[in-house]
């Protein structure tokens, strides 16, 4: 049993610590990670933190445990930090596995802009590796989850079933039966509505065998059967002739032991059972019970885009059942935004059926209002310019001169626009805005700022309830923002840095996209410590990318491009001597010695004036070994 094996690791670590065999325990756990075994979080928590922090493999195992528990933001942040050390270690399989898992996390959180370059890299690796990748299951699984993001890159990956099949085969080959079974389940989920009957039963039978082989609960099979019923046989819950709010009664009576399902399947199964229960006809007490369940959501559901979609669609069905058509339309618009944000392959078909149900449930009294809401939901999202500006653009419109009642209101919007997925932990955002505020006053001040931001966005952007605060998470409403230039720049820079050790060609292409975008974020905003810190980090990021660009240009003999990159870095970081050294080298190669001499004197004067020192030895050597 997988669970028993996991408890063996915890017992082993406890025994090793009692005998002071920490190094031995770390080595054995690292070997297990390399073999694709899962190490439970309890075993990792027994080890000293410094032992785990010193091991990229154990840190990766911890991130996987966070993923298993639904701690997606923690897992994402941890994997980001791990890519560079894993790449430097030369462990190709763990690096590709971590990169694939990070891409999946970005998709689940709704950060497809960050996921797409990772998926392209993984697809290139998949194509160019003749004999297959070690532990390729994670790579193929990521490509299956993000098939819609790379479908233009290759027809073979435009159909999720094929990708999932590759992942299942690789997981089984590498002795990971649980991952193989769950990948097969995801294929069934993706095809629950559209998969032909014969193929569905064939895949379901194979899935049952894998569930038994992995010692998983039969609840997984029960969930797959119930999902097929809900998406196919149960799709016509409301007939074309049914009166508003009247649902066809079906005796489904599915029983799923949801507590035996791993995250996120347990949550999805609970929401599925609620949907099925709604269709069986409910009395007043039953309606109240459903409503309580639907309003009990967690921070995990707020972050996980797929769970948010499931939760929203269930609430749409419930609103239609109660005859609350305006509410149903609002929730439907949010569900549409969730599909647009993520790569939800099965979402569009579900939305089409929901729209039909909402249409059938509308009464004449709400037709006019619902038409207005539909037109509002169809409005294009806004693009935001933050570099050297603070402006909102939409279909030829531009809004720049917003009258902010409080500077903190504008600061909160800027803060959210600069977070991945425009989502942050509420406590973190509050501390950033009010770093010196007493703890008992922060909540009240933050509430006031959030309230004013909602009003400002309604007044200027025409969007209601644009800021969502729930379960410790604050985020901008789905579908409000298409793209913020600074957020895209940071995504390109981060992914390029992660790919640089293993694929500098792709990294350079991404840097060439990012570098021209750079500027000062909201230059007229001052006094925010977090913003100043971010500006400094972005300046460093821009400098590092320029350094890699001019190094790459010189290596390929593109002197003009190299000179442009070096001069731009000098403009941004006038005391950075390496850029001057590159510039001197380029000028001297081209016979422009007088110009090199002028730039050298300018650097010497600047160093003397600002720091009271002369050029470094490397700089002198770049000028032929002369003295300053």
Foldseek 3Di string as FASTA:
>chain_A
DLVVVQVVLQVVLVVCVVVVNQVVNLVVVLVCLLLVRAHAPNNVVSHPPVSCVVDLSSLLSNLVNCVLQLVLVVSLVSLLVSLVVCLVVVVVQVNLLSLLVNLLSCQQQLQNLLNLLSLVVLVVVQVPDPPGDQLCLSNLLSLLQCLVSCCVVDVCSVQSLSSLVVNLVNCVVSPNLVSNLVSLLVSLLLPLQPDDPVVNVVSLVVSVVSCVVVVADCLSSLLSVLSSCCRHVVLPQDPLPHAFLQGHADPPPRDHPLVRDTPPSSLLSVLSVLLNVLSNDDDPVNLVVSVVVLPDDAPSCVRRLVSVLSSLLSVLSSCRNVLVLVVSLVSLLLSVLSVVSHVRSNSVVSSVSSVVSSVNNDDPVCVVVSVVSVVVSPAAAWEFEFFVATWTDGPHDIDGDQDQPDPLLVVLQVVLQQDRQSKDFPVVSLCQSCVPDDPVCSVVVSVVSLVSNQVSCCVPVVDHPQWDDDNRMIGGRRRRYPHYLNNSLVSLLSVLVSCCSPCNVSSLVSLVVNLVSHHQGNVVDDDRPVSVVVRVVVLVSNLVSLVSQLVVCVVVVNLVSNLVSLVVNCVSVVQPLVSLLSNLLSCVVVVNLVVNVVSQVVNQVVCCVPPVDGDDQSSCVSNVNDDD
